[in-house]
Amino acid sequence: MAKPIYFYGIHAVDALLEHRPLDGLSLFVQQGRESDSHVQAIMAEAEANGISIQPTQKDKLTQLCGSPQHQGVVLNARPLGFADEGLLDTIIGREQCLLLVLDQITDAHNFGACYVPQ
């Protein structure tokens, strides 16, 4: 069986639920954070998509995702598949191309800050 994949942080979890809600398996929410409006919205989205919600202690969330930067929410979800070799064929055929490779982006706003308009 494959190792579980955990996504964490309010923006990362929110983005995953918005764009790939069927990939969510279990949402772990820090006990005491249920009244936060951002966390409430995430919980509502998870519930609407049949994702189980587990109240969890803060230290357990840190253990699940391997980081204290979870902002009280951790989502166990199916991983997104890798791009296939056709991507390289598309890039090679272009006169100009900007390829941006990012690793360990945990906040969707950090990803958005990397956008380069053409």
N, C-alpha and C. Protein backbone atom coordinates (compact mmCIF):
# COMPACT_ATOMS: atom_id res chain seq x y z
N MET A 1 0.84 -1.18 0.00
CA MET A 1 0.00 0.00 0.00
C MET A 1 0.89 1.25 0.00
N ALA A 2 0.51 2.24 -0.76
CA ALA A 2 1.29 3.47 -0.89
C ALA A 2 1.21 4.30 0.40
N LYS A 3 2.26 5.05 0.65
CA LYS A 3 2.32 5.94 1.81
C LYS A 3 1.28 7.05 1.64
N PRO A 4 0.53 7.39 2.70
CA PRO A 4 -0.46 8.47 2.58
C PRO A 4 0.20 9.80 2.22
N ILE A 5 -0.50 10.60 1.45
CA ILE A 5 -0.04 11.92 1.06
C ILE A 5 -0.88 12.95 1.82
N TYR A 6 -0.18 13.90 2.49
CA TYR A 6 -0.87 14.91 3.27
C TYR A 6 -0.57 16.30 2.71
N PHE A 7 -1.62 17.09 2.53
CA PHE A 7 -1.53 18.48 2.10
C PHE A 7 -1.92 19.31 3.31
N TYR A 8 -1.23 20.41 3.53
CA TYR A 8 -1.51 21.17 4.75
C TYR A 8 -1.41 22.68 4.51
N GLY A 9 -2.07 23.40 5.40
CA GLY A 9 -2.16 24.86 5.29
C GLY A 9 -3.50 25.24 4.69
N ILE A 10 -4.05 26.33 5.16
CA ILE A 10 -5.39 26.76 4.76
C ILE A 10 -5.50 26.93 3.24
N HIS A 11 -4.56 27.63 2.63
CA HIS A 11 -4.67 27.92 1.20
C HIS A 11 -4.45 26.68 0.34
N ALA A 12 -3.49 25.85 0.73
CA ALA A 12 -3.21 24.63 -0.04
C ALA A 12 -4.39 23.66 0.03
N VAL A 13 -4.95 23.48 1.22
CA VAL A 13 -6.08 22.57 1.37
C VAL A 13 -7.31 23.13 0.65
N ASP A 14 -7.54 24.43 0.79
CA ASP A 14 -8.67 25.06 0.11
C ASP A 14 -8.56 24.90 -1.41
N ALA A 15 -7.37 25.11 -1.96
CA ALA A 15 -7.16 24.97 -3.40
C ALA A 15 -7.39 23.54 -3.86
N LEU A 16 -6.91 22.58 -3.09
CA LEU A 16 -7.11 21.18 -3.47
C LEU A 16 -8.60 20.83 -3.46
N LEU A 17 -9.31 21.27 -2.43
CA LEU A 17 -10.75 20.99 -2.36
C LEU A 17 -11.52 21.68 -3.47
N GLU A 18 -11.05 22.83 -3.91
CA GLU A 18 -11.73 23.56 -4.98
C GLU A 18 -11.50 22.89 -6.34
N HIS A 19 -10.28 22.46 -6.60
CA HIS A 19 -9.93 21.96 -7.93
C HIS A 19 -9.95 20.45 -8.07
N ARG A 20 -9.78 19.71 -6.96
CA ARG A 20 -9.76 18.26 -7.02
C ARG A 20 -10.51 17.66 -5.83
N PRO A 21 -11.76 18.04 -5.62
CA PRO A 21 -12.46 17.60 -4.41
C PRO A 21 -12.62 16.08 -4.30
N LEU A 22 -12.67 15.39 -5.42
CA LEU A 22 -12.86 13.94 -5.36
C LEU A 22 -11.60 13.20 -4.93
N ASP A 23 -10.46 13.90 -4.88
CA ASP A 23 -9.21 13.28 -4.44
C ASP A 23 -9.04 13.33 -2.92
N GLY A 24 -9.86 14.12 -2.23
CA GLY A 24 -9.76 14.22 -0.77
C GLY A 24 -10.27 12.96 -0.10
N LEU A 25 -9.55 12.51 0.93
CA LEU A 25 -9.92 11.29 1.65
C LEU A 25 -10.35 11.60 3.08
N SER A 26 -9.52 12.31 3.83
CA SER A 26 -9.81 12.66 5.22
C SER A 26 -9.25 14.04 5.52
N LEU A 27 -10.04 14.85 6.22
CA LEU A 27 -9.60 16.17 6.66
C LEU A 27 -9.38 16.13 8.16
N PHE A 28 -8.17 16.50 8.57
CA PHE A 28 -7.84 16.57 9.99
C PHE A 28 -7.83 18.05 10.39
N VAL A 29 -8.62 18.39 11.41
CA VAL A 29 -8.77 19.78 11.85
C VAL A 29 -8.33 19.90 13.30
N GLN A 30 -7.49 20.88 13.56
CA GLN A 30 -6.99 21.10 14.92
C GLN A 30 -8.15 21.45 15.84
N GLN A 31 -8.23 20.73 16.96
CA GLN A 31 -9.27 21.01 17.94
C GLN A 31 -9.12 22.44 18.44
N GLY A 32 -10.24 23.16 18.47
CA GLY A 32 -10.24 24.56 18.88
C GLY A 32 -10.19 25.53 17.71
N ARG A 33 -9.91 25.05 16.50
CA ARG A 33 -9.85 25.92 15.33
C ARG A 33 -11.16 25.90 14.52
N GLU A 34 -12.14 25.11 14.98
CA GLU A 34 -13.40 24.94 14.24
C GLU A 34 -14.18 26.24 14.09
N SER A 35 -13.92 27.22 14.96
CA SER A 35 -14.67 28.49 14.89
C SER A 35 -14.04 29.49 13.92
N ASP A 36 -12.82 29.23 13.44
CA ASP A 36 -12.15 30.09 12.46
C ASP A 36 -12.93 30.04 11.15
N SER A 37 -13.25 31.19 10.57
CA SER A 37 -14.08 31.22 9.36
C SER A 37 -13.43 30.50 8.18
N HIS A 38 -12.11 30.58 8.05
CA HIS A 38 -11.43 29.87 6.96
C HIS A 38 -11.54 28.35 7.15
N VAL A 39 -11.36 27.91 8.38
CA VAL A 39 -11.45 26.49 8.70
C VAL A 39 -12.89 26.01 8.51
N GLN A 40 -13.86 26.83 8.90
CA GLN A 40 -15.27 26.47 8.70
C GLN A 40 -15.59 26.27 7.22
N ALA A 41 -15.07 27.15 6.36
CA ALA A 41 -15.31 27.03 4.92
C ALA A 41 -14.69 25.75 4.38
N ILE A 42 -13.50 25.42 4.83
CA ILE A 42 -12.83 24.19 4.40
C ILE A 42 -13.62 22.97 4.87
N MET A 43 -14.09 23.01 6.10
CA MET A 43 -14.88 21.90 6.63
C MET A 43 -16.18 21.73 5.85
N ALA A 44 -16.83 22.83 5.50
CA ALA A 44 -18.07 22.76 4.74
C ALA A 44 -17.83 22.15 3.35
N GLU A 45 -16.74 22.56 2.70
CA GLU A 45 -16.40 22.02 1.39
C GLU A 45 -16.08 20.53 1.48
N ALA A 46 -15.34 20.14 2.50
CA ALA A 46 -15.01 18.73 2.70
C ALA A 46 -16.28 17.91 2.93
N GLU A 47 -17.15 18.41 3.79
CA GLU A 47 -18.39 17.71 4.09
C GLU A 47 -19.27 17.58 2.84
N ALA A 48 -19.33 18.63 2.03
CA ALA A 48 -20.13 18.60 0.80
C ALA A 48 -19.62 17.56 -0.19
N ASN A 49 -18.33 17.21 -0.08
CA ASN A 49 -17.74 16.24 -0.99
C ASN A 49 -17.54 14.87 -0.35
N GLY A 50 -18.17 14.65 0.80
CA GLY A 50 -18.12 13.34 1.44
C GLY A 50 -16.79 12.98 2.07
N ILE A 51 -16.00 13.98 2.40
CA ILE A 51 -14.69 13.75 3.02
C ILE A 51 -14.87 13.72 4.53
N SER A 52 -14.36 12.67 5.18
CA SER A 52 -14.49 12.59 6.63
C SER A 52 -13.67 13.68 7.31
N ILE A 53 -14.20 14.20 8.41
CA ILE A 53 -13.54 15.26 9.17
C ILE A 53 -13.17 14.70 10.53
N GLN A 54 -11.89 14.82 10.87
CA GLN A 54 -11.36 14.26 12.12
C GLN A 54 -10.81 15.37 13.01
N PRO A 55 -11.44 15.67 14.16
CA PRO A 55 -10.84 16.62 15.11
C PRO A 55 -9.54 16.01 15.63
N THR A 56 -8.47 16.79 15.64
CA THR A 56 -7.14 16.26 15.95
C THR A 56 -6.35 17.26 16.78
N GLN A 57 -5.49 16.75 17.64
CA GLN A 57 -4.59 17.60 18.43
C GLN A 57 -3.52 18.21 17.53
N LYS A 58 -3.05 19.39 17.91
CA LYS A 58 -2.07 20.14 17.12
C LYS A 58 -0.80 19.32 16.87
N ASP A 59 -0.29 18.64 17.88
CA ASP A 59 0.94 17.88 17.70
C ASP A 59 0.76 16.70 16.76
N LYS A 60 -0.43 16.14 16.71
CA LYS A 60 -0.70 15.04 15.77
C LYS A 60 -0.70 15.57 14.33
N LEU A 61 -1.24 16.78 14.11
CA LEU A 61 -1.21 17.39 12.78
C LEU A 61 0.23 17.61 12.33
N THR A 62 1.06 18.11 13.25
CA THR A 62 2.47 18.34 12.94
C THR A 62 3.15 17.03 12.57
N GLN A 63 2.81 15.97 13.27
CA GLN A 63 3.37 14.65 12.98
C GLN A 63 2.90 14.14 11.61
N LEU A 64 1.62 14.32 11.30
CA LEU A 64 1.08 13.83 10.02
C LEU A 64 1.78 14.46 8.82
N CYS A 65 1.92 15.78 8.86
CA CYS A 65 2.46 16.47 7.69
C CYS A 65 3.95 16.76 7.79
N GLY A 66 4.55 16.53 8.95
CA GLY A 66 5.98 16.75 9.10
C GLY A 66 6.38 18.22 9.18
N SER A 67 5.42 19.07 9.55
CA SER A 67 5.70 20.51 9.63
C SER A 67 4.76 21.17 10.64
N PRO A 68 5.26 22.14 11.39
CA PRO A 68 4.38 22.89 12.29
C PRO A 68 3.59 23.98 11.56
N GLN A 69 3.77 24.12 10.25
CA GLN A 69 3.15 25.18 9.46
C GLN A 69 1.80 24.77 8.88
N HIS A 70 1.05 23.91 9.53
CA HIS A 70 -0.19 23.36 8.98
C HIS A 70 -1.40 24.28 9.12
N GLN A 71 -1.33 25.31 9.94
CA GLN A 71 -2.41 26.27 10.15
C GLN A 71 -3.70 25.60 10.62
N GLY A 72 -3.58 24.43 11.23
CA GLY A 72 -4.73 23.76 11.81
C GLY A 72 -5.50 22.85 10.89
N VAL A 73 -5.07 22.69 9.63
CA VAL A 73 -5.77 21.80 8.71
C VAL A 73 -4.77 20.95 7.92
N VAL A 74 -5.06 19.66 7.85
CA VAL A 74 -4.25 18.71 7.09
C VAL A 74 -5.22 17.81 6.33
N LEU A 75 -4.99 17.66 5.03
CA LEU A 75 -5.87 16.85 4.19
C LEU A 75 -5.11 15.66 3.64
N ASN A 76 -5.62 14.47 3.90
CA ASN A 76 -5.10 13.27 3.28
C ASN A 76 -5.80 13.15 1.93
N ALA A 77 -5.03 13.13 0.85
CA ALA A 77 -5.62 13.12 -0.48
C ALA A 77 -4.77 12.29 -1.44
N ARG A 78 -5.41 11.87 -2.51
CA ARG A 78 -4.69 11.16 -3.55
C ARG A 78 -3.71 12.12 -4.23
N PRO A 79 -2.52 11.64 -4.55
CA PRO A 79 -1.56 12.52 -5.24
C PRO A 79 -1.98 12.78 -6.67
N LEU A 80 -1.56 13.90 -7.21
CA LEU A 80 -1.80 14.23 -8.61
C LEU A 80 -0.72 13.54 -9.43
N GLY A 81 -1.11 12.95 -10.53
CA GLY A 81 -0.15 12.25 -11.37
C GLY A 81 0.86 13.20 -11.99
N PHE A 82 2.00 12.65 -12.35
CA PHE A 82 3.05 13.44 -12.99
C PHE A 82 2.72 13.69 -14.45
N ALA A 83 3.27 14.76 -14.99
CA ALA A 83 3.10 15.06 -16.42
C ALA A 83 3.79 13.96 -17.21
N ASP A 84 3.22 13.62 -18.33
CA ASP A 84 3.82 12.56 -19.14
C ASP A 84 4.86 13.13 -20.10
N GLU A 85 5.46 12.27 -20.87
CA GLU A 85 6.52 12.66 -21.78
C GLU A 85 6.04 13.60 -22.88
N GLY A 86 4.75 13.65 -23.14
CA GLY A 86 4.20 14.55 -24.14
C GLY A 86 4.46 16.01 -23.81
N LEU A 87 4.63 16.31 -22.53
CA LEU A 87 4.93 17.68 -22.11
C LEU A 87 6.26 18.13 -22.72
N LEU A 88 7.26 17.28 -22.69
CA LEU A 88 8.56 17.65 -23.27
C LEU A 88 8.46 17.87 -24.77
N ASP A 89 7.66 17.07 -25.46
CA ASP A 89 7.48 17.25 -26.90
C ASP A 89 6.86 18.62 -27.19
N THR A 90 5.91 19.03 -26.37
CA THR A 90 5.27 20.33 -26.53
C THR A 90 6.27 21.47 -26.31
N ILE A 91 7.09 21.34 -25.31
CA ILE A 91 8.07 22.38 -24.99
C ILE A 91 9.14 22.48 -26.08
N ILE A 92 9.62 21.36 -26.54
CA ILE A 92 10.69 21.34 -27.55
C ILE A 92 10.24 22.01 -28.84
N GLY A 93 8.97 21.90 -29.20
CA GLY A 93 8.46 22.47 -30.44
C GLY A 93 8.25 23.97 -30.42
N ARG A 94 8.48 24.63 -29.31
CA ARG A 94 8.25 26.07 -29.20
C ARG A 94 9.54 26.85 -29.41
N GLU A 95 9.36 28.04 -29.98
CA GLU A 95 10.51 28.91 -30.17
C GLU A 95 10.98 29.48 -28.83
N GLN A 96 10.02 29.88 -27.99
CA GLN A 96 10.34 30.40 -26.66
C GLN A 96 9.51 29.65 -25.64
N CYS A 97 10.11 29.40 -24.50
CA CYS A 97 9.39 28.68 -23.46
C CYS A 97 9.99 29.03 -22.10
N LEU A 98 9.14 29.26 -21.15
CA LEU A 98 9.57 29.46 -19.78
C LEU A 98 9.06 28.27 -18.98
N LEU A 99 9.96 27.54 -18.39
CA LEU A 99 9.60 26.38 -17.59
C LEU A 99 9.99 26.67 -16.15
N LEU A 100 9.03 26.63 -15.26
CA LEU A 100 9.25 26.93 -13.86
C LEU A 100 9.04 25.65 -13.07
N VAL A 101 10.06 25.21 -12.35
CA VAL A 101 9.97 24.01 -11.53
C VAL A 101 9.99 24.43 -10.08
N LEU A 102 8.95 24.06 -9.34
CA LEU A 102 8.83 24.43 -7.94
C LEU A 102 8.79 23.17 -7.08
N ASP A 103 9.33 23.27 -5.88
CA ASP A 103 9.36 22.14 -4.98
C ASP A 103 8.91 22.59 -3.59
N GLN A 104 8.09 21.79 -2.96
CA GLN A 104 7.63 21.99 -1.60
C GLN A 104 6.89 23.31 -1.39
N ILE A 105 6.07 23.69 -2.34
CA ILE A 105 5.20 24.86 -2.16
C ILE A 105 4.06 24.42 -1.24
N THR A 106 3.90 25.07 -0.10
CA THR A 106 2.89 24.67 0.86
C THR A 106 1.75 25.67 0.97
N ASP A 107 1.87 26.81 0.34
CA ASP A 107 0.85 27.83 0.42
C ASP A 107 0.51 28.27 -1.01
N ALA A 108 -0.75 28.18 -1.37
CA ALA A 108 -1.17 28.53 -2.73
C ALA A 108 -0.81 29.96 -3.10
N HIS A 109 -0.76 30.86 -2.12
CA HIS A 109 -0.37 32.24 -2.42
C HIS A 109 1.09 32.32 -2.85
N ASN A 110 1.94 31.47 -2.28
CA ASN A 110 3.35 31.44 -2.71
C ASN A 110 3.45 30.99 -4.16
N PHE A 111 2.63 30.04 -4.55
CA PHE A 111 2.61 29.57 -5.92
C PHE A 111 2.14 30.70 -6.85
N GLY A 112 1.10 31.39 -6.45
CA GLY A 112 0.56 32.49 -7.26
C GLY A 112 1.55 33.63 -7.42
N ALA A 113 2.42 33.81 -6.45
CA ALA A 113 3.43 34.88 -6.53
C ALA A 113 4.48 34.58 -7.59
N CYS A 114 4.54 33.35 -8.07
CA CYS A 114 5.53 32.95 -9.08
C CYS A 114 5.02 33.18 -10.50
N TYR A 115 3.81 33.65 -10.67
CA TYR A 115 3.23 33.86 -11.99
C TYR A 115 3.99 34.95 -12.76
N VAL A 116 4.29 34.67 -14.01
CA VAL A 116 5.00 35.63 -14.88
C VAL A 116 4.08 35.91 -16.08
N PRO A 117 3.47 37.11 -16.17
CA PRO A 117 2.61 37.41 -17.31
C PRO A 117 3.43 37.50 -18.59
N GLN A 118 2.80 37.14 -19.70
CA GLN A 118 3.50 37.17 -20.99
C GLN A 118 3.32 38.48 -21.69
